[in-house]
């Protein structure tokens, strides 16, 4: 869900938006890896030269390695 909270129109959109988000996570031993995908479509807005319609897509991968027991280990 995207909420129109911009303080200036050059910083973002004043139109509500919504869309799906999905995450895939793989873990094996100390390794964690995966990807996040998100798409948000405007709910309303205008079309034409000064349009306010939008479709934002994001994909983000991540990889993490956990070292030993860390600070709190025994």
PDB file of N, CA and C in Angstrom:
ATOM      1  N   UNK A   1       0.849  -1.173   0.000  1.00  0.00           N
ATOM      2  CA  UNK A   1       0.000   0.000   0.000  1.00  0.00           C
ATOM      3  C   UNK A   1       0.893   1.235   0.000  1.00  0.00           C
ATOM      4  N   UNK A   2       0.602   2.182  -0.853  1.00  0.00           N
ATOM      5  CA  UNK A   2       1.325   3.447  -0.871  1.00  0.00           C
ATOM      6  C   UNK A   2       0.372   4.555  -0.448  1.00  0.00           C
ATOM      7  N   UNK A   3       0.771   5.281   0.575  1.00  0.00           N
ATOM      8  CA  UNK A   3      -0.054   6.349   1.133  1.00  0.00           C
ATOM      9  C   UNK A   3       0.503   7.689   0.664  1.00  0.00           C
ATOM     10  N   UNK A   4      -0.336   8.603   0.186  1.00  0.00           N
ATOM     11  CA  UNK A   4       0.138   9.892  -0.319  1.00  0.00           C
ATOM     12  C   UNK A   4       0.541  10.839   0.812  1.00  0.00           C
ATOM     13  N   UNK A   5       1.802  10.785   1.204  1.00  0.00           N
ATOM     14  CA  UNK A   5       2.279  11.616   2.315  1.00  0.00           C
ATOM     15  C   UNK A   5       3.351  12.612   1.888  1.00  0.00           C
ATOM     16  N   UNK A   6       3.474  12.898   0.587  1.00  0.00           N
ATOM     17  CA  UNK A   6       4.520  13.808   0.126  1.00  0.00           C
ATOM     18  C   UNK A   6       4.233  15.231   0.578  1.00  0.00           C
ATOM     19  N   UNK A   7       5.298  15.974   0.874  1.00  0.00           N
ATOM     20  CA  UNK A   7       5.144  17.370   1.281  1.00  0.00           C
ATOM     21  C   UNK A   7       5.276  18.312   0.081  1.00  0.00           C
ATOM     22  N   UNK A   8       5.809  17.797  -1.054  1.00  0.00           N
ATOM     23  CA  UNK A   8       5.970  18.589  -2.267  1.00  0.00           C
ATOM     24  C   UNK A   8       5.772  17.652  -3.457  1.00  0.00           C
ATOM     25  N   UNK A   9       5.064  18.091  -4.501  1.00  0.00           N
ATOM     26  CA  UNK A   9       4.757  17.214  -5.636  1.00  0.00           C
ATOM     27  C   UNK A   9       5.996  16.745  -6.389  1.00  0.00           C
ATOM     28  N   UNK A  10       7.124  17.441  -6.257  1.00  0.00           N
ATOM     29  CA  UNK A  10       8.349  16.998  -6.913  1.00  0.00           C
ATOM     30  C   UNK A  10       8.999  15.824  -6.179  1.00  0.00           C
ATOM     31  N   UNK A  11       8.540  15.521  -4.969  1.00  0.00           N
ATOM     32  CA  UNK A  11       9.111  14.426  -4.176  1.00  0.00           C
ATOM     33  C   UNK A  11       8.357  13.109  -4.326  1.00  0.00           C
ATOM     34  N   UNK A  12       7.203  13.118  -4.942  1.00  0.00           N
ATOM     35  CA  UNK A  12       6.428  11.893  -5.069  1.00  0.00           C
ATOM     36  C   UNK A  12       5.028  12.168  -5.571  1.00  0.00           C
ATOM     37  N   UNK A  13       4.151  11.202  -5.368  1.00  0.00           N
ATOM     38  CA  UNK A  13       2.783  11.291  -5.863  1.00  0.00           C
ATOM     39  C   UNK A  13       1.800  11.527  -4.718  1.00  0.00           C
ATOM     40  N   UNK A  14       0.729  12.236  -5.021  1.00  0.00           N
ATOM     41  CA  UNK A  14      -0.330  12.438  -4.030  1.00  0.00           C
ATOM     42  C   UNK A  14      -1.518  11.520  -4.312  1.00  0.00           C
ATOM     43  N   UNK A  15      -1.259  10.411  -5.020  1.00  0.00           N
ATOM     44  CA  UNK A  15      -2.286   9.431  -5.363  1.00  0.00           C
ATOM     45  C   UNK A  15      -2.025   8.142  -4.580  1.00  0.00           C
ATOM     46  N   UNK A  16      -3.081   7.574  -4.025  1.00  0.00           N
ATOM     47  CA  UNK A  16      -2.975   6.289  -3.335  1.00  0.00           C
ATOM     48  C   UNK A  16      -2.562   5.199  -4.310  1.00  0.00           C
ATOM     49  N   UNK A  17      -1.889   4.156  -3.794  1.00  0.00           N
ATOM     50  CA  UNK A  17      -1.503   3.027  -4.637  1.00  0.00           C
ATOM     51  C   UNK A  17      -1.513   1.727  -3.850  1.00  0.00           C
ATOM     52  N   UNK A  18      -1.595   0.611  -4.577  1.00  0.00           N
ATOM     53  CA  UNK A  18      -1.586  -0.703  -3.934  1.00  0.00           C
ATOM     54  C   UNK A  18      -1.076  -1.735  -4.924  1.00  0.00           C
ATOM     55  N   UNK A  19      -0.591  -2.848  -4.389  1.00  0.00           N
ATOM     56  CA  UNK A  19      -0.122  -3.926  -5.247  1.00  0.00           C
ATOM     57  C   UNK A  19       0.479  -5.058  -4.436  1.00  0.00           C
ATOM     58  N   UNK A  20       0.874  -6.124  -5.132  1.00  0.00           N
ATOM     59  CA  UNK A  20       1.389  -7.311  -4.446  1.00  0.00           C
ATOM     60  C   UNK A  20       2.871  -7.195  -4.079  1.00  0.00           C
ATOM     61  N   UNK A  21       3.246  -7.949  -3.060  1.00  0.00           N
ATOM     62  CA  UNK A  21       4.640  -8.093  -2.645  1.00  0.00           C
ATOM     63  C   UNK A  21       4.891  -9.567  -2.382  1.00  0.00           C
ATOM     64  N   UNK A  22       6.063 -10.041  -2.790  1.00  0.00           N
ATOM     65  CA  UNK A  22       6.420 -11.443  -2.550  1.00  0.00           C
ATOM     66  C   UNK A  22       7.886 -11.517  -2.164  1.00  0.00           C
ATOM     67  N   UNK A  23       8.220 -12.508  -1.339  1.00  0.00           N
ATOM     68  CA  UNK A  23       9.606 -12.720  -0.944  1.00  0.00           C
ATOM     69  C   UNK A  23       9.902 -14.216  -0.993  1.00  0.00           C
ATOM     70  N   UNK A  24      11.084 -14.551  -1.485  1.00  0.00           N
ATOM     71  CA  UNK A  24      11.581 -15.919  -1.486  1.00  0.00           C
ATOM     72  C   UNK A  24      12.823 -15.949  -0.611  1.00  0.00           C
ATOM     73  N   UNK A  25      12.896 -16.915   0.306  1.00  0.00           N
ATOM     74  CA  UNK A  25      14.030 -17.008   1.226  1.00  0.00           C
ATOM     75  C   UNK A  25      14.583 -18.420   1.191  1.00  0.00           C
ATOM     76  N   UNK A  26      15.917 -18.530   1.116  1.00  0.00           N
ATOM     77  CA  UNK A  26      16.608 -19.812   1.134  1.00  0.00           C
ATOM     78  C   UNK A  26      17.624 -19.779   2.270  1.00  0.00           C
ATOM     79  N   UNK A  27      17.619 -20.786   3.123  1.00  0.00           N
ATOM     80  CA  UNK A  27      18.597 -20.876   4.209  1.00  0.00           C
ATOM     81  C   UNK A  27      19.270 -22.237   4.178  1.00  0.00           C
ATOM     82  N   UNK A  28      20.579 -22.233   4.379  1.00  0.00           N
ATOM     83  CA  UNK A  28      21.343 -23.464   4.498  1.00  0.00           C
ATOM     84  C   UNK A  28      22.547 -23.159   5.370  1.00  0.00           C
ATOM     85  N   UNK A  29      22.574 -23.787   6.553  1.00  0.00           N
ATOM     86  CA  UNK A  29      23.663 -23.509   7.487  1.00  0.00           C
ATOM     87  C   UNK A  29      23.666 -22.033   7.859  1.00  0.00           C
ATOM     88  N   UNK A  30      24.827 -21.381   7.763  1.00  0.00           N
ATOM     89  CA  UNK A  30      24.907 -19.972   8.139  1.00  0.00           C
ATOM     90  C   UNK A  30      24.452 -19.025   7.028  1.00  0.00           C
ATOM     91  N   UNK A  31      24.083 -19.535   5.857  1.00  0.00           N
ATOM     92  CA  UNK A  31      23.705 -18.698   4.716  1.00  0.00           C
ATOM     93  C   UNK A  31      22.207 -18.449   4.665  1.00  0.00           C
ATOM     94  N   UNK A  32      21.857 -17.201   4.356  1.00  0.00           N
ATOM     95  CA  UNK A  32      20.476 -16.812   4.080  1.00  0.00           C
ATOM     96  C   UNK A  32      20.512 -15.999   2.787  1.00  0.00           C
ATOM     97  N   UNK A  33      19.694 -16.373   1.822  1.00  0.00           N
ATOM     98  CA  UNK A  33      19.645 -15.650   0.553  1.00  0.00           C
ATOM     99  C   UNK A  33      18.206 -15.585   0.078  1.00  0.00           C
ATOM    100  N   UNK A  34      17.930 -14.610  -0.763  1.00  0.00           N
ATOM    101  CA  UNK A  34      16.578 -14.512  -1.284  1.00  0.00           C
ATOM    102  C   UNK A  34      16.370 -13.295  -2.143  1.00  0.00           C
ATOM    103  N   UNK A  35      15.113 -13.057  -2.460  1.00  0.00           N
ATOM    104  CA  UNK A  35      14.737 -11.914  -3.284  1.00  0.00           C
ATOM    105  C   UNK A  35      13.362 -11.405  -2.860  1.00  0.00           C
ATOM    106  N   UNK A  36      13.194 -10.105  -2.980  1.00  0.00           N
ATOM    107  CA  UNK A  36      11.938  -9.426  -2.682  1.00  0.00           C
ATOM    108  C   UNK A  36      11.452  -8.775  -3.963  1.00  0.00           C
ATOM    109  N   UNK A  37      10.188  -8.930  -4.299  1.00  0.00           N
ATOM    110  CA  UNK A  37       9.592  -8.272  -5.470  1.00  0.00           C
ATOM    111  C   UNK A  37       8.332  -7.549  -5.018  1.00  0.00           C
ATOM    112  N   UNK A  38       8.154  -6.332  -5.534  1.00  0.00           N
ATOM    113  CA  UNK A  38       7.037  -5.489  -5.137  1.00  0.00           C
ATOM    114  C   UNK A  38       6.585  -4.676  -6.341  1.00  0.00           C
ATOM    115  N   UNK A  39       5.282  -4.571  -6.548  1.00  0.00           N
ATOM    116  CA  UNK A  39       4.734  -3.734  -7.608  1.00  0.00           C
ATOM    117  C   UNK A  39       3.566  -2.941  -7.040  1.00  0.00           C
ATOM    118  N   UNK A  40       3.539  -1.644  -7.319  1.00  0.00           N
ATOM    119  CA  UNK A  40       2.479  -0.771  -6.810  1.00  0.00           C
ATOM    120  C   UNK A  40       1.883   0.008  -7.992  1.00  0.00           C
ATOM    121  N   UNK A  41       0.560  -0.073  -8.150  1.00  0.00           N
ATOM    122  CA  UNK A  41      -0.145   0.663  -9.184  1.00  0.00           C
ATOM    123  C   UNK A  41      -0.972   1.768  -8.527  1.00  0.00           C
ATOM    124  N   UNK A  42      -1.078   2.907  -9.214  1.00  0.00           N
ATOM    125  CA  UNK A  42      -1.877   4.014  -8.691  1.00  0.00           C
ATOM    126  C   UNK A  42      -3.354   3.647  -8.702  1.00  0.00           C
ATOM    127  N   UNK A  43      -4.058   4.164  -7.734  1.00  0.00           N
ATOM    128  CA  UNK A  43      -5.509   3.969  -7.623  1.00  0.00           C
ATOM    129  C   UNK A  43      -6.164   5.311  -7.923  1.00  0.00           C
ATOM    130  N   UNK A  44      -6.323   5.593  -9.185  1.00  0.00           N
ATOM    131  CA  UNK A  44      -6.858   6.883  -9.607  1.00  0.00           C
ATOM    132  C   UNK A  44      -5.784   7.684 -10.315  1.00  0.00           C
ATOM    133  N   UNK A  45      -5.948   8.978 -10.348  1.00  0.00           N
ATOM    134  CA  UNK A  45      -5.002   9.838 -11.033  1.00  0.00           C
ATOM    135  C   UNK A  45      -5.482  10.167 -12.429  1.00  0.00           C
ATOM    136  N   UNK A  46      -4.655  10.878 -13.158  1.00  0.00           N
ATOM    137  CA  UNK A  46      -5.016  11.335 -14.497  1.00  0.00           C
ATOM    138  C   UNK A  46      -4.026  10.804 -15.520  1.00  0.00           C
ATOM    139  N   UNK A  47      -4.450  10.816 -16.784  1.00  0.00           N
ATOM    140  CA  UNK A  47      -3.553  10.456 -17.877  1.00  0.00           C
ATOM    141  C   UNK A  47      -3.307  11.699 -18.717  1.00  0.00           C
ATOM    142  N   UNK A  48      -2.478  11.580 -19.721  1.00  0.00           N
ATOM    143  CA  UNK A  48      -2.168  12.731 -20.569  1.00  0.00           C
ATOM    144  C   UNK A  48      -0.782  13.265 -20.271  1.00  0.00           C
ATOM    145  N   UNK A  49      -0.505  14.487 -20.737  1.00  0.00           N
ATOM    146  CA  UNK A  49       0.833  15.077 -20.618  1.00  0.00           C
ATOM    147  C   UNK A  49       1.276  15.258 -19.166  1.00  0.00           C
ATOM    148  N   UNK A  50       0.407  15.718 -18.308  1.00  0.00           N
ATOM    149  CA  UNK A  50       0.736  15.927 -16.890  1.00  0.00           C
ATOM    150  C   UNK A  50       0.125  14.817 -16.046  1.00  0.00           C
ATOM    151  N   UNK A  51       0.298  13.573 -16.462  1.00  0.00           N
ATOM    152  CA  UNK A  51      -0.355  12.432 -15.821  1.00  0.00           C
ATOM    153  C   UNK A  51       0.136  12.197 -14.386  1.00  0.00           C
ATOM    154  N   UNK A  52      -0.743  11.593 -13.602  1.00  0.00           N
ATOM    155  CA  UNK A  52      -0.391  11.215 -12.225  1.00  0.00           C
ATOM    156  C   UNK A  52      -0.529   9.717 -12.000  1.00  0.00           C
ATOM    157  N   UNK A  53      -0.854   8.955 -13.063  1.00  0.00           N
ATOM    158  CA  UNK A  53      -0.857   7.487 -12.972  1.00  0.00           C
ATOM    159  C   UNK A  53       0.568   7.005 -12.773  1.00  0.00           C
ATOM    160  N   UNK A  54       0.761   5.901 -12.061  1.00  0.00           N
ATOM    161  CA  UNK A  54       2.096   5.332 -11.926  1.00  0.00           C
ATOM    162  C   UNK A  54       2.015   3.830 -11.750  1.00  0.00           C
ATOM    163  N   UNK A  55       3.116   3.162 -12.043  1.00  0.00           N
ATOM    164  CA  UNK A  55       3.305   1.739 -11.812  1.00  0.00           C
ATOM    165  C   UNK A  55       4.759   1.582 -11.392  1.00  0.00           C
ATOM    166  N   UNK A  56       4.997   1.342 -10.113  1.00  0.00           N
ATOM    167  CA  UNK A  56       6.349   1.212  -9.573  1.00  0.00           C
ATOM    168  C   UNK A  56       6.660  -0.254  -9.311  1.00  0.00           C
ATOM    169  N   UNK A  57       7.801  -0.723  -9.822  1.00  0.00           N
ATOM    170  CA  UNK A  57       8.226  -2.103  -9.607  1.00  0.00           C
ATOM    171  C   UNK A  57       9.596  -2.088  -8.950  1.00  0.00           C
ATOM    172  N   UNK A  58       9.778  -2.967  -7.953  1.00  0.00           N
ATOM    173  CA  UNK A  58      11.046  -3.092  -7.250  1.00  0.00           C
ATOM    174  C   UNK A  58      11.389  -4.564  -7.121  1.00  0.00           C
ATOM    175  N   UNK A  59      12.635  -4.897  -7.381  1.00  0.00           N
ATOM    176  CA  UNK A  59      13.138  -6.226  -7.054  1.00  0.00           C
ATOM    177  C   UNK A  59      14.469  -6.038  -6.343  1.00  0.00           C
ATOM    178  N   UNK A  60      14.641  -6.746  -5.252  1.00  0.00           N
ATOM    179  CA  UNK A  60      15.830  -6.585  -4.407  1.00  0.00           C
ATOM    180  C   UNK A  60      16.300  -7.952  -3.954  1.00  0.00           C
ATOM    181  N   UNK A  61      17.542  -8.285  -4.234  1.00  0.00           N
ATOM    182  CA  UNK A  61      18.093  -9.545  -3.756  1.00  0.00           C
ATOM    183  C   UNK A  61      18.850  -9.304  -2.454  1.00  0.00           C
ATOM    184  N   UNK A  62      19.061 -10.352  -1.683  1.00  0.00           N
ATOM    185  CA  UNK A  62      19.843 -10.229  -0.454  1.00  0.00           C
ATOM    186  C   UNK A  62      20.585 -11.526  -0.182  1.00  0.00           C
ATOM    187  N   UNK A  63      21.755 -11.391   0.406  1.00  0.00           N
ATOM    188  CA  UNK A  63      22.602 -12.516   0.811  1.00  0.00           C
ATOM    189  C   UNK A  63      23.176 -12.172   2.170  1.00  0.00           C
ATOM    190  N   UNK A  64      23.126 -13.123   3.096  1.00  0.00           N
ATOM    191  CA  UNK A  64      23.619 -12.892   4.443  1.00  0.00           C
ATOM    192  C   UNK A  64      24.379 -14.126   4.919  1.00  0.00           C
ATOM    193  N   UNK A  65      25.510 -13.908   5.570  1.00  0.00           N
ATOM    194  CA  UNK A  65      26.267 -15.004   6.176  1.00  0.00           C
ATOM    195  C   UNK A  65      26.371 -14.720   7.666  1.00  0.00           C
ATOM    196  N   UNK A  66      25.983 -15.683   8.510  1.00  0.00           N
ATOM    197  CA  UNK A  66      26.030 -15.510   9.961  1.00  0.00           C
ATOM    198  C   UNK A  66      27.301 -16.155  10.505  1.00  0.00           C
ATOM    199  N   UNK A  67      28.161 -15.351  11.121  1.00  0.00           N
ATOM    200  CA  UNK A  67      29.437 -15.816  11.652  1.00  0.00           C
ATOM    201  C   UNK A  67      29.274 -16.415  13.045  1.00  0.00           C
ATOM    202  N   UNK A  68      29.583 -17.674  13.197  1.00  0.00           N
ATOM    203  CA  UNK A  68      29.663 -18.352  14.510  1.00  0.00           C
ATOM    204  C   UNK A  68      28.520 -18.021  15.440  1.00  0.00           C
ATOM    205  N   UNK A  69      28.877 -17.974  16.708  1.00  0.00           N
ATOM    206  CA  UNK A  69      27.888 -17.680  17.754  1.00  0.00           C
ATOM    207  C   UNK A  69      27.693 -16.194  17.982  1.00  0.00           C
ATOM    208  N   UNK A  70      28.590 -15.386  17.477  1.00  0.00           N
ATOM    209  CA  UNK A  70      28.453 -13.956  17.649  1.00  0.00           C
ATOM    210  C   UNK A  70      28.724 -13.499  19.062  1.00  0.00           C
ATOM    211  N   UNK A  71      28.330 -12.315  19.384  1.00  0.00           N
ATOM    212  CA  UNK A  71      28.589 -11.675  20.666  1.00  0.00           C
ATOM    213  C   UNK A  71      27.910 -12.413  21.820  1.00  0.00           C
ATOM    214  N   UNK A  72      26.737 -12.994  21.593  1.00  0.00           N
ATOM    215  CA  UNK A  72      25.940 -13.563  22.674  1.00  0.00           C
ATOM    216  C   UNK A  72      26.158 -15.072  22.826  1.00  0.00           C
ATOM    217  N   UNK A  73      27.132 -15.657  22.116  1.00  0.00           N
ATOM    218  CA  UNK A  73      27.361 -17.085  22.197  1.00  0.00           C
ATOM    219  C   UNK A  73      28.021 -17.521  23.513  1.00  0.00           C
ATOM    220  N   UNK A  74      27.985 -18.803  23.774  1.00  0.00           N
ATOM    221  CA  UNK A  74      28.572 -19.354  25.006  1.00  0.00           C
ATOM    222  C   UNK A  74      29.808 -20.138  24.672  1.00  0.00           C
TER     223      UNK A  74
END
